[in-house]
Amino acid sequence: MIEDAMNNTQKSNREKLKGILKNVDYVFYKIDIDSTETSALKEFAQQSDCDLIALIHHKFNFFQKLLEEDVVDKISFSSPIPLLILPELN
């Protein structure tokens, strides 16, 4: 089950998205990542029949910027399908 593989932050983000998109038909997909999150997302967009991908844009602190990939920044200008980039709500 997808929820078993999710950490607490991912579960929280999923619930936020459910609330934001409550009046919209949507589907959550689990994407297997072989190389980077950005390349996996691009590959999924090309292979799926999606009309839109929604992402939450997190503000990274200094150490996260050094250690983690900012998927939104990397994919926002080269996505093959439209992206809905939502700001992180506190």
PDB file of N, CA and C in Angstrom:
ATOM      1  N   MET A   1       0.837  -1.184   0.000  1.00  0.00           N
ATOM      2  CA  MET A   1       0.000   0.000   0.000  1.00  0.00           C
ATOM      3  C   MET A   1       0.880   1.245   0.000  1.00  0.00           C
ATOM      4  N   ILE A   2       0.458   2.276  -0.689  1.00  0.00           N
ATOM      5  CA  ILE A   2       1.257   3.487  -0.837  1.00  0.00           C
ATOM      6  C   ILE A   2       1.552   4.144   0.507  1.00  0.00           C
ATOM      7  N   GLU A   3       0.569   4.195   1.395  1.00  0.00           N
ATOM      8  CA  GLU A   3       0.750   4.870   2.686  1.00  0.00           C
ATOM      9  C   GLU A   3       1.859   4.255   3.521  1.00  0.00           C
ATOM     10  N   ASP A   4       2.098   2.957   3.361  1.00  0.00           N
ATOM     11  CA  ASP A   4       3.140   2.287   4.136  1.00  0.00           C
ATOM     12  C   ASP A   4       4.536   2.779   3.766  1.00  0.00           C
ATOM     13  N   ALA A   5       4.717   3.209   2.527  1.00  0.00           N
ATOM     14  CA  ALA A   5       6.029   3.662   2.065  1.00  0.00           C
ATOM     15  C   ALA A   5       6.239   5.157   2.265  1.00  0.00           C
ATOM     16  N   MET A   6       5.234   5.858   2.771  1.00  0.00           N
ATOM     17  CA  MET A   6       5.306   7.311   2.921  1.00  0.00           C
ATOM     18  C   MET A   6       5.794   7.700   4.314  1.00  0.00           C
ATOM     19  N   ASN A   7       6.629   8.759   4.380  1.00  0.00           N
ATOM     20  CA  ASN A   7       7.027   9.274   5.688  1.00  0.00           C
ATOM     21  C   ASN A   7       5.957  10.262   6.175  1.00  0.00           C
ATOM     22  N   ASN A   8       6.109  10.783   7.373  1.00  0.00           N
ATOM     23  CA  ASN A   8       5.085  11.655   7.947  1.00  0.00           C
ATOM     24  C   ASN A   8       4.884  12.935   7.153  1.00  0.00           C
ATOM     25  N   THR A   9       5.959  13.501   6.621  1.00  0.00           N
ATOM     26  CA  THR A   9       5.847  14.714   5.811  1.00  0.00           C
ATOM     27  C   THR A   9       5.042  14.447   4.544  1.00  0.00           C
ATOM     28  N   GLN A  10       5.310  13.334   3.899  1.00  0.00           N
ATOM     29  CA  GLN A  10       4.578  12.974   2.688  1.00  0.00           C
ATOM     30  C   GLN A  10       3.095  12.737   2.989  1.00  0.00           C
ATOM     31  N   LYS A  11       2.812  12.077   4.100  1.00  0.00           N
ATOM     32  CA  LYS A  11       1.410  11.857   4.488  1.00  0.00           C
ATOM     33  C   LYS A  11       0.711  13.187   4.756  1.00  0.00           C
ATOM     34  N   SER A  12       1.404  14.099   5.425  1.00  0.00           N
ATOM     35  CA  SER A  12       0.848  15.425   5.704  1.00  0.00           C
ATOM     36  C   SER A  12       0.585  16.184   4.400  1.00  0.00           C
ATOM     37  N   ASN A  13       1.544  16.135   3.471  1.00  0.00           N
ATOM     38  CA  ASN A  13       1.372  16.809   2.176  1.00  0.00           C
ATOM     39  C   ASN A  13       0.212  16.226   1.391  1.00  0.00           C
ATOM     40  N   ARG A  14       0.058  14.921   1.466  1.00  0.00           N
ATOM     41  CA  ARG A  14      -1.054  14.269   0.766  1.00  0.00           C
ATOM     42  C   ARG A  14      -2.391  14.754   1.319  1.00  0.00           C
ATOM     43  N   GLU A  15      -2.489  14.867   2.633  1.00  0.00           N
ATOM     44  CA  GLU A  15      -3.727  15.355   3.249  1.00  0.00           C
ATOM     45  C   GLU A  15      -3.992  16.815   2.883  1.00  0.00           C
ATOM     46  N   LYS A  16      -2.938  17.624   2.818  1.00  0.00           N
ATOM     47  CA  LYS A  16      -3.088  19.023   2.398  1.00  0.00           C
ATOM     48  C   LYS A  16      -3.624  19.097   0.976  1.00  0.00           C
ATOM     49  N   LEU A  17      -3.044  18.281   0.088  1.00  0.00           N
ATOM     50  CA  LEU A  17      -3.513  18.268  -1.300  1.00  0.00           C
ATOM     51  C   LEU A  17      -4.962  17.810  -1.402  1.00  0.00           C
ATOM     52  N   LYS A  18      -5.337  16.818  -0.619  1.00  0.00           N
ATOM     53  CA  LYS A  18      -6.726  16.361  -0.626  1.00  0.00           C
ATOM     54  C   LYS A  18      -7.665  17.501  -0.250  1.00  0.00           C
ATOM     55  N   GLY A  19      -7.272  18.297   0.737  1.00  0.00           N
ATOM     56  CA  GLY A  19      -8.094  19.429   1.150  1.00  0.00           C
ATOM     57  C   GLY A  19      -8.171  20.506   0.084  1.00  0.00           C
ATOM     58  N   ILE A  20      -7.041  20.810  -0.535  1.00  0.00           N
ATOM     59  CA  ILE A  20      -6.997  21.842  -1.566  1.00  0.00           C
ATOM     60  C   ILE A  20      -7.781  21.420  -2.807  1.00  0.00           C
ATOM     61  N   LEU A  21      -7.713  20.144  -3.153  1.00  0.00           N
ATOM     62  CA  LEU A  21      -8.336  19.637  -4.382  1.00  0.00           C
ATOM     63  C   LEU A  21      -9.659  18.926  -4.129  1.00  0.00           C
ATOM     64  N   LYS A  22     -10.336  19.257  -3.036  1.00  0.00           N
ATOM     65  CA  LYS A  22     -11.539  18.501  -2.657  1.00  0.00           C
ATOM     66  C   LYS A  22     -12.663  18.578  -3.691  1.00  0.00           C
ATOM     67  N   ASN A  23     -12.706  19.613  -4.525  1.00  0.00           N
ATOM     68  CA  ASN A  23     -13.763  19.751  -5.524  1.00  0.00           C
ATOM     69  C   ASN A  23     -13.302  19.385  -6.930  1.00  0.00           C
ATOM     70  N   VAL A  24     -12.170  18.691  -7.016  1.00  0.00           N
ATOM     71  CA  VAL A  24     -11.577  18.328  -8.298  1.00  0.00           C
ATOM     72  C   VAL A  24     -11.377  16.817  -8.338  1.00  0.00           C
ATOM     73  N   ASP A  25     -11.606  16.222  -9.514  1.00  0.00           N
ATOM     74  CA  ASP A  25     -11.303  14.799  -9.679  1.00  0.00           C
ATOM     75  C   ASP A  25      -9.791  14.637  -9.777  1.00  0.00           C
ATOM     76  N   TYR A  26      -9.215  13.785  -8.946  1.00  0.00           N
ATOM     77  CA  TYR A  26      -7.770  13.593  -8.949  1.00  0.00           C
ATOM     78  C   TYR A  26      -7.440  12.156  -8.597  1.00  0.00           C
ATOM     79  N   VAL A  27      -6.212  11.776  -8.890  1.00  0.00           N
ATOM     80  CA  VAL A  27      -5.693  10.450  -8.562  1.00  0.00           C
ATOM     81  C   VAL A  27      -4.260  10.631  -8.077  1.00  0.00           C
ATOM     82  N   PHE A  28      -3.895   9.944  -7.007  1.00  0.00           N
ATOM     83  CA  PHE A  28      -2.515   9.925  -6.536  1.00  0.00           C
ATOM     84  C   PHE A  28      -1.813   8.716  -7.151  1.00  0.00           C
ATOM     85  N   TYR A  29      -0.584   8.908  -7.609  1.00  0.00           N
ATOM     86  CA  TYR A  29       0.216   7.827  -8.164  1.00  0.00           C
ATOM     87  C   TYR A  29       1.479   7.669  -7.339  1.00  0.00           C
ATOM     88  N   LYS A  30       1.946   6.448  -7.221  1.00  0.00           N
ATOM     89  CA  LYS A  30       3.250   6.175  -6.628  1.00  0.00           C
ATOM     90  C   LYS A  30       4.230   5.993  -7.779  1.00  0.00           C
ATOM     91  N   ILE A  31       5.294   6.789  -7.771  1.00  0.00           N
ATOM     92  CA  ILE A  31       6.285   6.741  -8.842  1.00  0.00           C
ATOM     93  C   ILE A  31       7.561   6.106  -8.290  1.00  0.00           C
ATOM     94  N   ASP A  32       8.037   5.056  -8.941  1.00  0.00           N
ATOM     95  CA  ASP A  32       9.313   4.443  -8.558  1.00  0.00           C
ATOM     96  C   ASP A  32      10.442   5.296  -9.108  1.00  0.00           C
ATOM     97  N   ILE A  33      11.412   5.589  -8.267  1.00  0.00           N
ATOM     98  CA  ILE A  33      12.514   6.463  -8.649  1.00  0.00           C
ATOM     99  C   ILE A  33      13.768   5.625  -8.846  1.00  0.00           C
ATOM    100  N   ASP A  34      14.269   5.599 -10.094  1.00  0.00           N
ATOM    101  CA  ASP A  34      15.482   4.853 -10.408  1.00  0.00           C
ATOM    102  C   ASP A  34      16.723   5.735 -10.355  1.00  0.00           C
ATOM    103  N   SER A  35      16.572   7.015 -10.727  1.00  0.00           N
ATOM    104  CA  SER A  35      17.744   7.901 -10.724  1.00  0.00           C
ATOM    105  C   SER A  35      17.475   9.128  -9.850  1.00  0.00           C
ATOM    106  N   THR A  36      16.810  10.147 -10.387  1.00  0.00           N
ATOM    107  CA  THR A  36      16.479  11.336  -9.602  1.00  0.00           C
ATOM    108  C   THR A  36      14.972  11.535  -9.606  1.00  0.00           C
ATOM    109  N   GLU A  37      14.485  12.290  -8.632  1.00  0.00           N
ATOM    110  CA  GLU A  37      13.052  12.570  -8.570  1.00  0.00           C
ATOM    111  C   GLU A  37      12.593  13.326  -9.811  1.00  0.00           C
ATOM    112  N   THR A  38      13.403  14.267 -10.273  1.00  0.00           N
ATOM    113  CA  THR A  38      13.050  15.064 -11.438  1.00  0.00           C
ATOM    114  C   THR A  38      12.922  14.204 -12.687  1.00  0.00           C
ATOM    115  N   SER A  39      13.888  13.337 -12.927  1.00  0.00           N
ATOM    116  CA  SER A  39      13.818  12.487 -14.122  1.00  0.00           C
ATOM    117  C   SER A  39      12.671  11.484 -14.021  1.00  0.00           C
ATOM    118  N   ALA A  40      12.399  10.973 -12.833  1.00  0.00           N
ATOM    119  CA  ALA A  40      11.272  10.054 -12.653  1.00  0.00           C
ATOM    120  C   ALA A  40       9.944  10.758 -12.920  1.00  0.00           C
ATOM    121  N   LEU A  41       9.826  11.999 -12.481  1.00  0.00           N
ATOM    122  CA  LEU A  41       8.596  12.761 -12.708  1.00  0.00           C
ATOM    123  C   LEU A  41       8.412  13.070 -14.189  1.00  0.00           C
ATOM    124  N   LYS A  42       9.486  13.436 -14.876  1.00  0.00           N
ATOM    125  CA  LYS A  42       9.408  13.698 -16.320  1.00  0.00           C
ATOM    126  C   LYS A  42       9.005  12.437 -17.078  1.00  0.00           C
ATOM    127  N   GLU A  43       9.592  11.308 -16.706  1.00  0.00           N
ATOM    128  CA  GLU A  43       9.270  10.041 -17.356  1.00  0.00           C
ATOM    129  C   GLU A  43       7.806   9.673 -17.119  1.00  0.00           C
ATOM    130  N   PHE A  44       7.334   9.862 -15.890  1.00  0.00           N
ATOM    131  CA  PHE A  44       5.936   9.579 -15.585  1.00  0.00           C
ATOM    132  C   PHE A  44       5.014  10.462 -16.413  1.00  0.00           C
ATOM    133  N   ALA A  45       5.335  11.738 -16.525  1.00  0.00           N
ATOM    134  CA  ALA A  45       4.507  12.674 -17.287  1.00  0.00           C
ATOM    135  C   ALA A  45       4.408  12.268 -18.751  1.00  0.00           C
ATOM    136  N   GLN A  46       5.499  11.775 -19.305  1.00  0.00           N
ATOM    137  CA  GLN A  46       5.499  11.359 -20.704  1.00  0.00           C
ATOM    138  C   GLN A  46       4.727  10.062 -20.924  1.00  0.00           C
ATOM    139  N   GLN A  47       4.750   9.163 -19.948  1.00  0.00           N
ATOM    140  CA  GLN A  47       4.127   7.857 -20.104  1.00  0.00           C
ATOM    141  C   GLN A  47       2.662   7.825 -19.700  1.00  0.00           C
ATOM    142  N   SER A  48       2.237   8.757 -18.870  1.00  0.00           N
ATOM    143  CA  SER A  48       0.872   8.715 -18.354  1.00  0.00           C
ATOM    144  C   SER A  48      -0.066   9.540 -19.219  1.00  0.00           C
ATOM    145  N   ASP A  49      -1.317   9.420 -18.906  1.00  0.00           N
ATOM    146  CA  ASP A  49      -2.346  10.177 -19.623  1.00  0.00           C
ATOM    147  C   ASP A  49      -2.844  11.311 -18.721  1.00  0.00           C
ATOM    148  N   CYS A  50      -1.935  11.973 -18.033  1.00  0.00           N
ATOM    149  CA  CYS A  50      -2.290  13.044 -17.104  1.00  0.00           C
ATOM    150  C   CYS A  50      -2.502  14.352 -17.848  1.00  0.00           C
ATOM    151  N   ASP A  51      -3.393  15.156 -17.320  1.00  0.00           N
ATOM    152  CA  ASP A  51      -3.609  16.490 -17.854  1.00  0.00           C
ATOM    153  C   ASP A  51      -2.845  17.539 -17.052  1.00  0.00           C
ATOM    154  N   LEU A  52      -2.467  17.185 -15.821  1.00  0.00           N
ATOM    155  CA  LEU A  52      -1.848  18.138 -14.915  1.00  0.00           C
ATOM    156  C   LEU A  52      -1.144  17.381 -13.802  1.00  0.00           C
ATOM    157  N   ILE A  53      -0.021  17.915 -13.338  1.00  0.00           N
ATOM    158  CA  ILE A  53       0.653  17.375 -12.160  1.00  0.00           C
ATOM    159  C   ILE A  53       0.682  18.479 -11.119  1.00  0.00           C
ATOM    160  N   ALA A  54       0.259  18.166  -9.899  1.00  0.00           N
ATOM    161  CA  ALA A  54       0.276  19.134  -8.799  1.00  0.00           C
ATOM    162  C   ALA A  54       1.415  18.791  -7.846  1.00  0.00           C
ATOM    163  N   LEU A  55       2.185  19.818  -7.482  1.00  0.00           N
ATOM    164  CA  LEU A  55       3.304  19.660  -6.565  1.00  0.00           C
ATOM    165  C   LEU A  55       3.226  20.736  -5.493  1.00  0.00           C
ATOM    166  N   ILE A  56       3.700  20.413  -4.304  1.00  0.00           N
ATOM    167  CA  ILE A  56       3.826  21.417  -3.246  1.00  0.00           C
ATOM    168  C   ILE A  56       5.280  21.872  -3.220  1.00  0.00           C
ATOM    169  N   HIS A  57       5.497  23.169  -3.320  1.00  0.00           N
ATOM    170  CA  HIS A  57       6.849  23.723  -3.323  1.00  0.00           C
ATOM    171  C   HIS A  57       7.266  24.066  -1.909  1.00  0.00           C
ATOM    172  N   HIS A  58       8.265  23.344  -1.417  1.00  0.00           N
ATOM    173  CA  HIS A  58       8.766  23.542  -0.058  1.00  0.00           C
ATOM    174  C   HIS A  58       9.885  24.566  -0.060  1.00  0.00           C
ATOM    175  N   LYS A  59       9.940  25.336   0.985  1.00  0.00           N
ATOM    176  CA  LYS A  59      11.071  26.238   1.192  1.00  0.00           C
ATOM    177  C   LYS A  59      12.161  25.441   1.896  1.00  0.00           C
ATOM    178  N   PHE A  60      13.299  25.305   1.264  1.00  0.00           N
ATOM    179  CA  PHE A  60      14.408  24.561   1.837  1.00  0.00           C
ATOM    180  C   PHE A  60      15.257  25.454   2.720  1.00  0.00           C
ATOM    181  N   ASN A  61      15.745  24.886   3.818  1.00  0.00           N
ATOM    182  CA  ASN A  61      16.722  25.618   4.619  1.00  0.00           C
ATOM    183  C   ASN A  61      18.103  25.409   4.000  1.00  0.00           C
ATOM    184  N   PHE A  62      19.116  26.019   4.571  1.00  0.00           N
ATOM    185  CA  PHE A  62      20.456  25.980   3.999  1.00  0.00           C
ATOM    186  C   PHE A  62      20.954  24.548   3.783  1.00  0.00           C
ATOM    187  N   PHE A  63      20.802  23.693   4.784  1.00  0.00           N
ATOM    188  CA  PHE A  63      21.314  22.329   4.678  1.00  0.00           C
ATOM    189  C   PHE A  63      20.504  21.490   3.696  1.00  0.00           C
ATOM    190  N   GLN A  64      19.203  21.708   3.642  1.00  0.00           N
ATOM    191  CA  GLN A  64      18.390  20.987   2.670  1.00  0.00           C
ATOM    192  C   GLN A  64      18.772  21.366   1.247  1.00  0.00           C
ATOM    193  N   LYS A  65      19.105  22.649   1.031  1.00  0.00           N
ATOM    194  CA  LYS A  65      19.536  23.087  -0.296  1.00  0.00           C
ATOM    195  C   LYS A  65      20.818  22.372  -0.722  1.00  0.00           C
ATOM    196  N   LEU A  66      21.672  22.084   0.236  1.00  0.00           N
ATOM    197  CA  LEU A  66      22.917  21.386  -0.075  1.00  0.00           C
ATOM    198  C   LEU A  66      22.710  19.899  -0.319  1.00  0.00           C
ATOM    199  N   LEU A  67      21.758  19.292   0.393  1.00  0.00           N
ATOM    200  CA  LEU A  67      21.631  17.840   0.391  1.00  0.00           C
ATOM    201  C   LEU A  67      20.477  17.278  -0.434  1.00  0.00           C
ATOM    202  N   GLU A  68      19.443  18.065  -0.676  1.00  0.00           N
ATOM    203  CA  GLU A  68      18.251  17.537  -1.325  1.00  0.00           C
ATOM    204  C   GLU A  68      18.008  18.198  -2.676  1.00  0.00           C
ATOM    205  N   GLU A  69      17.368  17.461  -3.544  1.00  0.00           N
ATOM    206  CA  GLU A  69      17.032  17.949  -4.876  1.00  0.00           C
ATOM    207  C   GLU A  69      15.762  18.794  -4.809  1.00  0.00           C
ATOM    208  N   ASP A  70      15.790  19.987  -5.391  1.00  0.00           N
ATOM    209  CA  ASP A  70      14.594  20.822  -5.468  1.00  0.00           C
ATOM    210  C   ASP A  70      13.889  20.501  -6.787  1.00  0.00           C
ATOM    211  N   VAL A  71      12.971  19.555  -6.726  1.00  0.00           N
ATOM    212  CA  VAL A  71      12.294  19.039  -7.909  1.00  0.00           C
ATOM    213  C   VAL A  71      11.536  20.143  -8.635  1.00  0.00           C
ATOM    214  N   VAL A  72      10.834  20.984  -7.902  1.00  0.00           N
ATOM    215  CA  VAL A  72      10.017  22.027  -8.516  1.00  0.00           C
ATOM    216  C   VAL A  72      10.886  22.963  -9.348  1.00  0.00           C
ATOM    217  N   ASP A  73      12.010  23.391  -8.805  1.00  0.00           N
ATOM    218  CA  ASP A  73      12.899  24.284  -9.552  1.00  0.00           C
ATOM    219  C   ASP A  73      13.448  23.610 -10.807  1.00  0.00           C
ATOM    220  N   LYS A  74      13.765  22.346 -10.717  1.00  0.00           N
ATOM    221  CA  LYS A  74      14.378  21.656 -11.852  1.00  0.00           C
ATOM    222  C   LYS A  74      13.386  21.305 -12.953  1.00  0.00           C
ATOM    223  N   ILE A  75      12.133  21.034 -12.608  1.00  0.00           N
ATOM    224  CA  ILE A  75      11.178  20.575 -13.613  1.00  0.00           C
ATOM    225  C   ILE A  75      10.253  21.681 -14.114  1.00  0.00           C
ATOM    226  N   SER A  76      10.162  22.786 -13.419  1.00  0.00           N
ATOM    227  CA  SER A  76       9.135  23.789 -13.728  1.00  0.00           C
ATOM    228  C   SER A  76       9.226  24.349 -15.140  1.00  0.00           C
ATOM    229  N   PHE A  77      10.405  24.436 -15.730  1.00  0.00           N
ATOM    230  CA  PHE A  77      10.519  25.004 -17.069  1.00  0.00           C
ATOM    231  C   PHE A  77      10.643  23.953 -18.171  1.00  0.00           C
ATOM    232  N   SER A  78      10.702  22.691 -17.809  1.00  0.00           N
ATOM    233  CA  SER A  78      10.898  21.664 -18.829  1.00  0.00           C
ATOM    234  C   SER A  78       9.884  20.530 -18.751  1.00  0.00           C
ATOM    235  N   SER A  79       8.780  20.752 -18.063  1.00  0.00           N
ATOM    236  CA  SER A  79       7.777  19.707 -17.921  1.00  0.00           C
ATOM    237  C   SER A  79       7.010  19.511 -19.229  1.00  0.00           C
ATOM    238  N   PRO A  80       6.793  18.265 -19.628  1.00  0.00           N
ATOM    239  CA  PRO A  80       6.035  18.014 -20.857  1.00  0.00           C
ATOM    240  C   PRO A  80       4.529  18.252 -20.696  1.00  0.00           C
ATOM    241  N   ILE A  81       4.035  18.344 -19.462  1.00  0.00           N
ATOM    242  CA  ILE A  81       2.626  18.655 -19.231  1.00  0.00           C
ATOM    243  C   ILE A  81       2.538  19.781 -18.203  1.00  0.00           C
ATOM    244  N   PRO A  82       1.382  20.437 -18.106  1.00  0.00           N
ATOM    245  CA  PRO A  82       1.253  21.555 -17.159  1.00  0.00           C
ATOM    246  C   PRO A  82       1.446  21.110 -15.709  1.00  0.00           C
ATOM    247  N   LEU A  83       2.042  22.008 -14.934  1.00  0.00           N
ATOM    248  CA  LEU A  83       2.261  21.780 -13.507  1.00  0.00           C
ATOM    249  C   LEU A  83       1.438  22.779 -12.707  1.00  0.00           C
ATOM    250  N   LEU A  84       0.852  22.315 -11.632  1.00  0.00           N
ATOM    251  CA  LEU A  84       0.209  23.184 -10.652  1.00  0.00           C
ATOM    252  C   LEU A  84       1.124  23.172  -9.443  1.00  0.00           C
ATOM    253  N   ILE A  85       1.829  24.281  -9.219  1.00  0.00           N
ATOM    254  CA  ILE A  85       2.784  24.363  -8.133  1.00  0.00           C
ATOM    255  C   ILE A  85       2.148  25.166  -7.014  1.00  0.00           C
ATOM    256  N   LEU A  86       1.904  24.497  -5.896  1.00  0.00           N
ATOM    257  CA  LEU A  86       1.239  25.104  -4.764  1.00  0.00           C
ATOM    258  C   LEU A  86       2.262  25.477  -3.688  1.00  0.00           C
ATOM    259  N   PRO A  87       2.104  26.629  -3.068  1.00  0.00           N
ATOM    260  CA  PRO A  87       3.043  26.990  -1.999  1.00  0.00           C
ATOM    261  C   PRO A  87       2.792  26.125  -0.770  1.00  0.00           C
ATOM    262  N   GLU A  88       3.825  25.910  -0.009  1.00  0.00           N
ATOM    263  CA  GLU A  88       3.713  25.144   1.228  1.00  0.00           C
ATOM    264  C   GLU A  88       2.924  25.979   2.248  1.00  0.00           C
ATOM    265  N   LEU A  89       1.901  25.389   2.821  1.00  0.00           N
ATOM    266  CA  LEU A  89       1.102  26.078   3.838  1.00  0.00           C
ATOM    267  C   LEU A  89       1.631  25.726   5.215  1.00  0.00           C
ATOM    268  N   ASN A  90       1.719  26.701   6.084  1.00  0.00           N
ATOM    269  CA  ASN A  90       2.205  26.430   7.442  1.00  0.00           C
ATOM    270  C   ASN A  90       1.059  26.201   8.385  1.00  0.00           C
TER     271      ASN A  90
END
